Amino acid sequence: MPVKLAIGLGNIGRAYAHTYHNVGFFTVDFIRRATPRNNAAVLQLEKTTGYMNESGSAVRTLMKRHRVDAREILIIHDDSDLAIGAYKLSFGRGAAGHRGVLDVIRTLRTKDFWRLRIGIRNEKRGQPQETTRRMKAEEFVLWRMSAHDEKLVEAALTNALPAILSLSTRTST
């Protein structure tokens, strides 16, 4: 079943515009810029309209508007378990602690949808060299993304784009 709708998760509002938690929104904008116009009709791109931890109802609304099934969507979001510049494409996986994805799973009552997980973890970010404590995601996801990290994310998205677009031409899951 082809993916017809890609939805970037994030937080609305200027204060969150360039934060690590809004990598889903960043990705939607990147795909719009990088995708030839003739592919735009194949894969619809949307962003949620609320806050990250309440993404489920926005996703459900967008699914109804576009008349698609859960198996026909790609949820795009940040992942603090992946290194900055890494990505993973998966289907039917659990939320792994991501509250926005957890809300989508609860609202849709299924985990049978595609996910593009974009890495945001930078082990050197804001930590003194002498500490071995790993920062919790909630300690940095709302920080403004550095220009360097934006370039790493863009490089990952450039590599991921063919796989993302190929989902829209799939014939089976």
Protein backbone atom coordinates (compact mmCIF):
# COMPACT_ATOMS: atom_id res chain seq x y z
CA MET A 1 0.00 0.00 0.00
CA PRO A 2 1.59 3.31 -1.00
CA VAL A 3 2.11 6.16 1.42
CA LYS A 4 -0.07 9.08 0.38
CA LEU A 5 0.40 11.49 3.28
CA ALA A 6 3.54 12.54 5.17
CA ILE A 7 2.92 14.39 8.43
CA GLY A 8 5.62 16.28 10.30
CA LEU A 9 5.19 16.38 14.08
CA GLY A 10 6.20 19.48 16.00
CA ASN A 11 5.03 22.36 18.15
CA ILE A 12 3.21 25.35 16.71
CA GLY A 13 4.39 28.88 17.34
CA ARG A 14 7.46 31.01 16.69
CA ALA A 15 9.12 30.05 19.98
CA TYR A 16 9.46 26.46 18.73
CA ALA A 17 10.21 27.15 15.05
CA HIS A 18 13.86 26.09 14.94
CA THR A 19 14.04 23.69 17.87
CA TYR A 20 15.18 20.08 17.77
CA HIS A 21 11.64 18.95 18.62
CA ASN A 22 10.40 20.53 15.38
CA VAL A 23 12.57 18.42 13.10
CA GLY A 24 9.33 16.96 11.70
CA PHE A 25 8.27 20.42 10.50
CA PHE A 26 11.81 21.10 9.25
CA THR A 27 11.64 17.87 7.23
CA VAL A 28 8.31 18.73 5.60
CA ASP A 29 9.76 22.09 4.51
CA PHE A 30 12.89 20.34 3.22
CA ILE A 31 10.87 17.82 1.18
CA ARG A 32 8.80 20.65 -0.32
CA ARG A 33 11.97 22.46 -1.41
CA ALA A 34 13.80 19.35 -2.63
CA THR A 35 11.00 17.48 -4.39
CA PRO A 36 10.29 18.08 -8.07
CA ARG A 37 6.83 19.51 -8.65
CA ASN A 38 5.61 16.36 -10.43
CA ASN A 39 6.14 14.34 -7.21
CA ALA A 40 4.09 16.79 -5.14
CA ALA A 41 0.81 15.22 -6.24
CA VAL A 42 1.98 11.72 -5.26
CA LEU A 43 2.88 12.48 -1.64
CA GLN A 44 0.86 15.06 0.26
CA LEU A 45 2.80 16.94 2.95
CA GLU A 46 1.29 18.33 6.15
CA LYS A 47 2.32 19.56 9.59
CA THR A 48 0.40 19.02 12.80
CA THR A 49 -1.45 22.05 14.13
CA GLY A 50 -1.00 21.70 17.88
CA TYR A 51 1.65 20.68 20.34
CA MET A 52 3.90 17.65 20.05
CA ASN A 53 2.50 15.66 22.97
CA GLU A 54 -1.03 16.07 21.58
CA SER A 55 -0.28 15.06 17.98
CA GLY A 56 -2.83 12.26 17.72
CA SER A 57 -5.95 14.33 17.09
CA ALA A 58 -4.17 16.50 14.50
CA VAL A 59 -2.96 13.38 12.68
CA ARG A 60 -6.46 11.88 12.74
CA THR A 61 -7.93 15.13 11.36
CA LEU A 62 -5.37 15.22 8.54
CA MET A 63 -6.05 11.56 7.72
CA LYS A 64 -9.77 12.28 7.43
CA ARG A 65 -9.15 15.38 5.27
CA HIS A 66 -6.96 13.39 2.88
CA ARG A 67 -9.10 10.21 3.13
CA VAL A 68 -6.22 7.91 3.98
CA ASP A 69 -5.76 4.89 6.19
CA ALA A 70 -3.06 4.63 8.88
CA ARG A 71 -1.00 2.34 6.62
CA GLU A 72 -0.90 5.17 4.07
CA ILE A 73 0.78 7.74 6.33
CA LEU A 74 4.36 8.59 7.19
CA ILE A 75 4.87 10.26 10.56
CA ILE A 76 8.06 12.35 10.65
CA HIS A 77 9.56 13.22 14.03
CA ASP A 78 12.69 13.81 16.09
CA ASP A 79 14.40 10.90 17.80
CA SER A 80 16.75 11.53 20.71
CA ASP A 81 18.01 7.93 20.59
CA LEU A 82 19.57 8.52 17.16
CA ALA A 83 22.69 10.59 16.57
CA ILE A 84 22.27 13.96 14.92
CA GLY A 85 22.39 13.41 11.17
CA ALA A 86 21.08 9.83 11.32
CA TYR A 87 17.63 8.65 10.30
CA LYS A 88 15.58 5.46 10.34
CA LEU A 89 12.54 4.52 8.36
CA SER A 90 10.30 1.95 10.02
CA PHE A 91 6.79 0.50 10.00
CA GLY A 92 4.64 -0.78 12.85
CA ARG A 93 7.00 0.07 15.71
CA GLY A 94 6.17 1.30 19.20
CA ALA A 95 6.68 4.86 20.40
CA ALA A 96 10.00 4.15 22.22
CA GLY A 97 9.18 6.87 24.72
CA HIS A 98 8.35 9.60 22.18
CA ARG A 99 5.24 11.24 23.62
CA GLY A 100 4.01 12.67 20.31
CA VAL A 101 4.18 9.27 18.63
CA LEU A 102 2.60 7.64 21.69
CA ASP A 103 -0.35 10.03 21.36
CA VAL A 104 -0.68 9.15 17.66
CA ILE A 105 -0.68 5.42 18.47
CA ARG A 106 -3.27 5.89 21.23
CA THR A 107 -5.52 8.07 19.08
CA LEU A 108 -5.36 5.88 15.97
CA ARG A 109 -5.41 2.68 18.05
CA THR A 110 -2.69 1.23 15.87
CA LYS A 111 1.03 1.43 15.37
CA ASP A 112 0.71 0.22 11.79
CA PHE A 113 1.99 3.32 10.04
CA TRP A 114 5.32 4.43 8.64
CA ARG A 115 7.73 6.54 10.67
CA LEU A 116 10.74 8.58 9.66
CA ARG A 117 12.82 9.10 12.78
CA ILE A 118 15.34 11.94 12.51
CA GLY A 119 18.26 11.85 14.94
CA ILE A 120 18.82 14.84 17.21
CA ARG A 121 21.25 13.39 19.79
CA ASN A 122 24.60 15.15 20.04
CA GLU A 123 26.59 13.66 22.90
CA LYS A 124 28.82 16.74 23.11
CA ARG A 125 25.96 19.25 23.27
CA GLY A 126 26.13 21.46 26.32
CA GLN A 127 27.84 18.97 28.57
CA PRO A 128 31.15 19.49 30.34
CA GLN A 129 33.77 17.06 29.12
CA GLU A 130 34.26 15.56 32.57
CA THR A 131 30.66 14.39 32.96
CA THR A 132 29.45 11.03 31.70
CA ARG A 133 25.78 11.74 32.40
CA ARG A 134 23.68 11.53 29.27
CA MET A 135 21.27 14.45 28.89
CA LYS A 136 17.60 13.53 28.94
CA ALA A 137 15.69 14.47 25.79
CA GLU A 138 13.44 16.90 27.63
CA GLU A 139 16.56 18.84 28.63
CA PHE A 140 17.41 19.83 25.05
CA VAL A 141 14.56 19.15 22.59
CA LEU A 142 13.27 22.71 22.94
CA TRP A 143 16.69 24.29 22.35
CA ARG A 144 17.18 26.19 19.13
CA MET A 145 18.93 23.96 16.58
CA SER A 146 22.45 25.12 15.74
CA ALA A 147 23.35 25.92 12.12
CA HIS A 148 25.85 23.06 12.22
CA ASP A 149 23.19 20.59 13.36
CA GLU A 150 20.73 21.89 10.73
CA LYS A 151 23.32 21.04 8.07
CA LEU A 152 23.74 17.54 9.51
CA VAL A 153 19.97 17.04 9.47
CA GLU A 154 19.75 18.35 5.89
CA ALA A 155 22.47 15.90 4.82
CA ALA A 156 20.52 13.03 6.40
CA LEU A 157 17.33 14.17 4.69
CA THR A 158 19.10 14.38 1.34
CA ASN A 159 20.10 10.74 1.82
CA ALA A 160 16.61 9.77 3.02
CA LEU A 161 14.64 11.55 0.28
CA PRO A 162 14.74 8.72 -2.31
CA ALA A 163 13.45 6.25 0.33
CA ILE A 164 10.73 8.69 1.41
CA LEU A 165 9.56 9.21 -2.17
CA SER A 166 9.71 5.48 -2.92
CA LEU A 167 7.13 4.88 -0.18
CA SER A 168 4.59 6.75 -2.29
CA THR A 169 4.97 4.22 -5.11
CA ARG A 170 4.84 1.05 -2.99
CA THR A 171 2.33 -1.60 -3.98
CA SER A 172 2.32 -3.52 -0.66
CA THR A 173 3.50 -3.14 2.97
